[in-house]
Amino acid sequence: MTLKNASDLLKVLDLEQIEVNIFRGHNHDIGANHVFGGQVLSQALHAATLTVPEDRIAHSMHAYFILPGDLAHPIIYMVDQVRDGGSFTTRRVKAIQHGKDIFIMAVSLQTKQEGLHHQIDMPNIVPPEELQSDEELLHQFSDRLPESFKRFLRPRPIEFRPVDPFNFILPEKQEPLRHVWFKAKGDYEGDHTIQQRLLAYASDYNLLTTAIQPHQDEIQIHQVQLASLDHAMWFHRPFVMNDWLLYEVDSPSASNARGFTRGSIFSKDGTLVASVAQEGLIRPKRK
């Protein structure tokens, strides 16, 4: 199924309840040979929120990817209702295929409360209206792309507009820093839980490849095996996915065949709405 907009994506990300605390989710192919990590993050978050009252809003999630997901088979999500407190609620979620755990995640949810406020400043970046989307760029330069990249030439429900679009393909050393504008395509209806599910999905793009940029004078992205190992996310403030958001991603370290990346997500008015951290496998492909 081709996902042209956020409404299409939300239909795919929806879950079927098959028992108390047990849900079934289906997959979609983004061009990889396994289930996209952002899909599992989004569906696991959805499973957790389906087991809590409406006044509980997710504020953090911490996940581990254990096995690659099989695109040909649905995923079963099992929720453990760990704690229901006065202000905070905790859930554990397991994603299962073929009788094995492929993913685990802890989610913390909170009632709305008042407290202290501060945030870092959004960088002064070229606005999205002056940039091309990565889809446009991929099609424009498709004849120069490695074959492994061409399978990603398909419509996507999230539009990404990179500020430095060629950093990830130039054969030269780059700073481990990237800025990408993104938003959901099309119109859709949804409350804060819908926004969070879409952002969790989108947050898995543009992370690990940032850790390759300082090494592109030695090796190119298509020559490297990449796989997410873990993913953590914190939701700070309200946002909407059908308006532009800025993803600022950096990679402080790479070692022992792992790359560490982190991201700050800002709304267009400069509000810091979420933070992300991820470590992933990064090693040369076997010849």
Protein backbone atom coordinates (compact mmCIF):
# COMPACT_ATOMS: atom_id res chain seq x y z
CA MET A 1 0.00 0.00 0.00
CA THR A 2 1.34 3.43 -0.98
CA LEU A 3 1.05 5.93 1.87
CA LYS A 4 0.56 9.37 0.35
CA ASN A 5 -0.44 11.34 3.46
CA ALA A 6 -0.90 11.23 7.23
CA SER A 7 -4.43 9.81 6.98
CA ASP A 8 -3.09 6.80 5.05
CA LEU A 9 -0.33 6.38 7.62
CA LEU A 10 -2.70 6.52 10.60
CA LYS A 11 -4.83 3.76 9.06
CA VAL A 12 -1.77 1.52 8.81
CA LEU A 13 -0.55 2.41 12.32
CA ASP A 14 -3.94 1.64 13.89
CA LEU A 15 -4.24 -1.38 16.19
CA GLU A 16 -6.82 -4.11 16.58
CA GLN A 17 -7.57 -5.13 20.18
CA ILE A 18 -7.68 -8.93 20.42
CA GLU A 19 -7.76 -9.29 24.23
CA VAL A 20 -7.33 -7.13 27.34
CA ASN A 21 -3.88 -5.45 27.01
CA ILE A 22 -3.18 -7.32 23.74
CA PHE A 23 -3.26 -5.67 20.31
CA ARG A 24 -2.42 -6.58 16.72
CA GLY A 25 -0.66 -4.22 14.31
CA HIS A 26 0.09 -4.47 10.59
CA ASN A 27 3.15 -3.34 8.63
CA HIS A 28 4.04 -1.17 5.70
CA ASP A 29 7.17 -1.18 3.57
CA ILE A 30 9.25 2.01 3.33
CA GLY A 31 11.79 0.37 1.00
CA ALA A 32 13.82 -1.55 3.57
CA ASN A 33 13.83 -5.35 3.90
CA HIS A 34 12.44 -5.23 7.44
CA VAL A 35 9.82 -3.35 9.46
CA PHE A 36 10.64 0.36 9.89
CA GLY A 37 11.54 1.17 13.49
CA GLY A 38 9.38 4.29 13.53
CA GLN A 39 6.32 2.15 12.79
CA VAL A 40 6.96 -0.08 15.83
CA LEU A 41 7.67 2.94 18.06
CA SER A 42 4.39 4.54 17.03
CA GLN A 43 2.29 1.39 17.39
CA ALA A 44 3.81 0.51 20.79
CA LEU A 45 3.07 4.03 22.04
CA HIS A 46 -0.49 3.67 20.74
CA ALA A 47 -0.89 0.35 22.57
CA ALA A 48 0.24 1.94 25.83
CA THR A 49 -2.12 4.92 25.51
CA LEU A 50 -5.07 2.61 24.83
CA THR A 51 -4.73 1.27 28.38
CA VAL A 52 -4.78 4.61 30.27
CA PRO A 53 -7.40 7.32 30.98
CA GLU A 54 -7.67 10.18 28.46
CA ASP A 55 -6.14 12.70 30.88
CA ARG A 56 -2.80 10.82 30.85
CA ILE A 57 -0.36 12.15 28.25
CA ALA A 58 2.88 10.36 27.34
CA HIS A 59 5.93 12.37 28.37
CA SER A 60 8.72 9.80 27.78
CA MET A 61 9.39 6.47 26.11
CA HIS A 62 12.47 4.26 26.22
CA ALA A 63 12.74 1.40 23.73
CA TYR A 64 15.07 -1.37 22.58
CA PHE A 65 15.01 -2.99 19.15
CA ILE A 66 15.84 -6.67 19.68
CA LEU A 67 15.18 -8.42 16.34
CA PRO A 68 14.36 -7.14 12.83
CA GLY A 69 10.62 -7.11 12.19
CA ASP A 70 9.20 -9.40 9.51
CA LEU A 71 7.19 -7.37 6.99
CA ALA A 72 5.10 -10.37 5.96
CA HIS A 73 3.57 -10.99 9.39
CA PRO A 74 1.54 -8.82 11.83
CA ILE A 75 3.02 -7.73 15.16
CA ILE A 76 1.40 -8.53 18.50
CA TYR A 77 1.72 -5.84 21.18
CA MET A 78 1.31 -6.88 24.82
CA VAL A 79 0.95 -4.15 27.47
CA ASP A 80 1.91 -4.61 31.11
CA GLN A 81 0.07 -2.13 33.36
CA VAL A 82 2.98 -1.51 35.73
CA ARG A 83 1.64 1.39 37.81
CA ASP A 84 -1.28 3.81 38.01
CA GLY A 85 -0.24 6.66 40.29
CA GLY A 86 -1.88 9.95 41.22
CA SER A 87 0.18 11.92 38.67
CA PHE A 88 2.18 9.37 36.68
CA THR A 89 1.27 6.12 34.94
CA THR A 90 3.78 3.52 33.75
CA ARG A 91 3.36 0.93 31.02
CA ARG A 92 5.65 -1.74 29.53
CA VAL A 93 5.05 -2.87 25.95
CA LYS A 94 6.40 -5.97 24.16
CA ALA A 95 6.21 -6.45 20.40
CA ILE A 96 6.12 -10.11 19.39
CA GLN A 97 6.53 -11.98 16.09
CA HIS A 98 6.90 -15.73 15.59
CA GLY A 99 6.77 -16.24 19.35
CA LYS A 100 9.79 -13.99 20.05
CA ASP A 101 10.15 -10.48 21.46
CA ILE A 102 11.39 -8.18 18.68
CA PHE A 103 11.02 -4.93 20.65
CA ILE A 104 10.42 -3.74 24.21
CA MET A 105 9.48 -0.28 25.48
CA ALA A 106 8.66 1.51 28.72
CA VAL A 107 6.28 4.48 28.55
CA SER A 108 5.59 7.06 31.26
CA LEU A 109 2.42 9.15 31.12
CA GLN A 110 1.40 12.13 33.24
CA THR A 111 -1.56 14.35 34.03
CA LYS A 112 -1.23 18.00 33.00
CA GLN A 113 0.49 20.03 35.74
CA GLU A 114 2.06 23.45 36.28
CA GLY A 115 5.77 23.90 36.96
CA LEU A 116 8.97 25.68 35.93
CA HIS A 117 9.66 26.53 32.28
CA HIS A 118 12.85 26.98 30.25
CA GLN A 119 14.28 25.70 26.94
CA ILE A 120 17.26 25.98 24.62
CA ASP A 121 17.00 28.31 21.61
CA MET A 122 16.19 27.05 18.13
CA PRO A 123 19.09 27.61 15.69
CA ASN A 124 18.77 30.28 13.03
CA ILE A 125 18.10 28.09 9.99
CA VAL A 126 16.93 28.55 6.39
CA PRO A 127 13.09 28.28 6.42
CA PRO A 128 11.43 25.27 4.79
CA GLU A 129 9.76 27.37 2.07
CA GLU A 130 13.23 27.95 0.54
CA LEU A 131 14.16 24.25 0.43
CA GLN A 132 13.39 21.21 -1.70
CA SER A 133 12.03 17.99 -0.24
CA ASP A 134 14.25 14.93 -0.06
CA GLU A 135 11.82 13.15 -2.42
CA GLU A 136 12.36 15.86 -5.06
CA LEU A 137 16.12 15.66 -4.59
CA LEU A 138 16.20 11.87 -4.78
CA HIS A 139 14.27 11.89 -8.04
CA GLN A 140 16.37 14.77 -9.42
CA PHE A 141 19.63 12.93 -8.80
CA SER A 142 18.35 9.34 -9.09
CA ASP A 143 20.85 8.48 -11.83
CA ARG A 144 23.73 9.20 -9.41
CA LEU A 145 22.37 7.26 -6.43
CA PRO A 146 23.57 3.81 -5.37
CA GLU A 147 21.11 1.03 -6.23
CA SER A 148 20.45 0.47 -2.50
CA PHE A 149 19.07 4.03 -2.29
CA LYS A 150 16.71 3.75 -5.25
CA ARG A 151 14.27 1.43 -3.47
CA PHE A 152 13.37 4.40 -1.25
CA LEU A 153 12.10 6.38 -4.25
CA ARG A 154 8.43 6.20 -3.30
CA PRO A 155 5.81 8.60 -1.86
CA ARG A 156 6.00 9.13 1.89
CA PRO A 157 3.34 10.40 4.36
CA ILE A 158 5.90 12.70 6.01
CA GLU A 159 7.63 15.43 3.98
CA PHE A 160 11.28 16.11 4.86
CA ARG A 161 13.21 19.15 3.67
CA PRO A 162 16.93 18.89 4.56
CA VAL A 163 18.81 22.15 5.11
CA ASP A 164 22.10 20.61 3.86
CA PRO A 165 20.74 17.99 1.47
CA PHE A 166 24.02 16.64 0.13
CA ASN A 167 25.87 16.16 3.42
CA PHE A 168 24.86 12.51 3.56
CA ILE A 169 26.10 11.55 0.06
CA LEU A 170 29.21 13.69 -0.52
CA PRO A 171 32.44 11.61 -0.34
CA GLU A 172 34.05 13.99 2.12
CA LYS A 173 34.24 14.42 5.87
CA GLN A 174 31.28 16.30 7.33
CA GLU A 175 30.44 17.72 10.73
CA PRO A 176 28.14 15.27 12.63
CA LEU A 177 25.25 17.76 12.58
CA ARG A 178 22.09 17.89 10.49
CA HIS A 179 18.98 20.09 10.27
CA VAL A 180 15.80 18.82 8.63
CA TRP A 181 12.36 20.44 8.42
CA PHE A 182 9.45 18.01 8.35
CA LYS A 183 5.66 17.83 8.60
CA ALA A 184 2.82 15.38 7.95
CA LYS A 185 1.28 15.51 4.48
CA GLY A 186 -2.41 16.19 3.95
CA ASP A 187 -5.22 16.92 6.36
CA TYR A 188 -6.14 14.68 9.26
CA GLU A 189 -8.01 14.91 12.54
CA GLY A 190 -6.45 14.00 15.86
CA ASP A 191 -5.79 14.90 19.48
CA HIS A 192 -2.43 14.97 21.28
CA THR A 193 -2.13 11.16 21.15
CA ILE A 194 -2.38 11.24 17.34
CA GLN A 195 0.28 13.97 17.17
CA GLN A 196 2.60 11.96 19.40
CA ARG A 197 2.13 8.78 17.38
CA LEU A 198 3.02 10.63 14.16
CA LEU A 199 6.03 12.29 15.75
CA ALA A 200 7.30 8.99 17.18
CA TYR A 201 7.07 7.56 13.65
CA ALA A 202 8.92 10.50 12.07
CA SER A 203 11.58 10.67 14.78
CA ASP A 204 13.31 7.51 13.52
CA TYR A 205 14.29 9.22 10.26
CA ASN A 206 17.58 11.16 9.85
CA LEU A 207 19.20 9.98 13.09
CA LEU A 208 21.78 7.22 12.55
CA THR A 209 22.97 8.51 9.20
CA THR A 210 24.22 11.64 10.97
CA ALA A 211 26.84 9.48 12.71
CA ILE A 212 28.29 8.54 9.30
CA GLN A 213 29.00 12.12 8.21
CA PRO A 214 32.44 12.49 9.92
CA HIS A 215 33.60 9.31 8.12
CA GLN A 216 32.39 9.89 4.57
CA ASP A 217 35.95 10.43 3.36
CA GLU A 218 36.57 6.77 4.31
CA ILE A 219 33.24 5.04 3.67
CA GLN A 220 29.86 5.84 2.14
CA ILE A 221 26.44 5.25 3.72
CA HIS A 222 25.47 2.51 1.25
CA GLN A 223 28.61 0.57 2.30
CA VAL A 224 27.59 0.56 5.98
CA GLN A 225 25.21 -1.72 7.88
CA LEU A 226 22.84 0.42 9.95
CA ALA A 227 20.37 -0.82 12.57
CA SER A 228 18.67 0.96 15.46
CA LEU A 229 19.53 -0.55 18.85
CA ASP A 230 17.54 1.71 21.14
CA HIS A 231 15.40 4.84 20.99
CA ALA A 232 14.40 7.28 23.72
CA MET A 233 11.99 10.18 23.34
CA TRP A 234 10.67 12.94 25.58
CA PHE A 235 7.58 15.02 24.78
CA HIS A 236 7.96 18.49 26.31
CA ARG A 237 5.16 20.67 24.91
CA PRO A 238 2.10 20.49 22.63
CA PHE A 239 2.61 20.54 18.85
CA VAL A 240 0.83 19.69 15.60
CA MET A 241 2.34 17.53 12.89
CA ASN A 242 0.67 19.31 9.98
CA ASP A 243 2.84 22.39 10.55
CA TRP A 244 6.60 22.53 10.00
CA LEU A 245 8.89 21.15 12.70
CA LEU A 246 12.69 21.43 12.74
CA TYR A 247 14.79 18.37 13.62
CA GLU A 248 18.28 19.32 14.81
CA VAL A 249 20.35 16.12 15.00
CA ASP A 250 23.93 15.65 16.15
CA SER A 251 26.19 12.67 16.86
CA PRO A 252 28.54 13.21 19.84
CA SER A 253 30.22 9.80 19.52
CA ALA A 254 30.81 6.66 17.49
CA SER A 255 32.75 3.67 18.87
CA ASN A 256 32.74 -0.14 19.05
CA ALA A 257 30.57 -0.42 15.90
CA ARG A 258 27.91 1.84 17.47
CA GLY A 259 26.89 5.40 16.71
CA PHE A 260 25.17 7.65 19.25
CA THR A 261 22.82 10.39 18.05
CA ARG A 262 20.46 12.87 19.67
CA GLY A 263 17.85 15.26 18.35
CA SER A 264 15.94 18.38 19.36
CA ILE A 265 12.58 19.02 17.69
CA PHE A 266 11.28 22.59 17.46
CA SER A 267 8.02 24.02 16.17
CA LYS A 268 8.37 26.77 13.57
CA ASP A 269 7.93 29.50 16.21
CA GLY A 270 11.00 28.20 18.08
CA THR A 271 9.28 26.15 20.80
CA LEU A 272 11.17 23.02 21.84
CA VAL A 273 8.50 20.31 21.66
CA ALA A 274 10.47 17.05 21.97
CA SER A 275 13.92 15.50 22.42
CA VAL A 276 15.26 12.22 21.05
CA ALA A 277 18.29 9.99 21.64
CA GLN A 278 19.26 6.86 19.75
CA GLU A 279 22.19 4.47 19.51
CA GLY A 280 22.58 2.15 16.57
CA LEU A 281 24.78 -0.44 14.95
CA ILE A 282 27.20 1.07 12.41
CA ARG A 283 29.73 -1.22 10.75
CA PRO A 284 31.02 -1.88 7.23
CA LYS A 285 28.99 -4.38 5.22
CA ARG A 286 30.59 -7.73 4.61
CA LYS A 287 31.80 -8.12 1.05
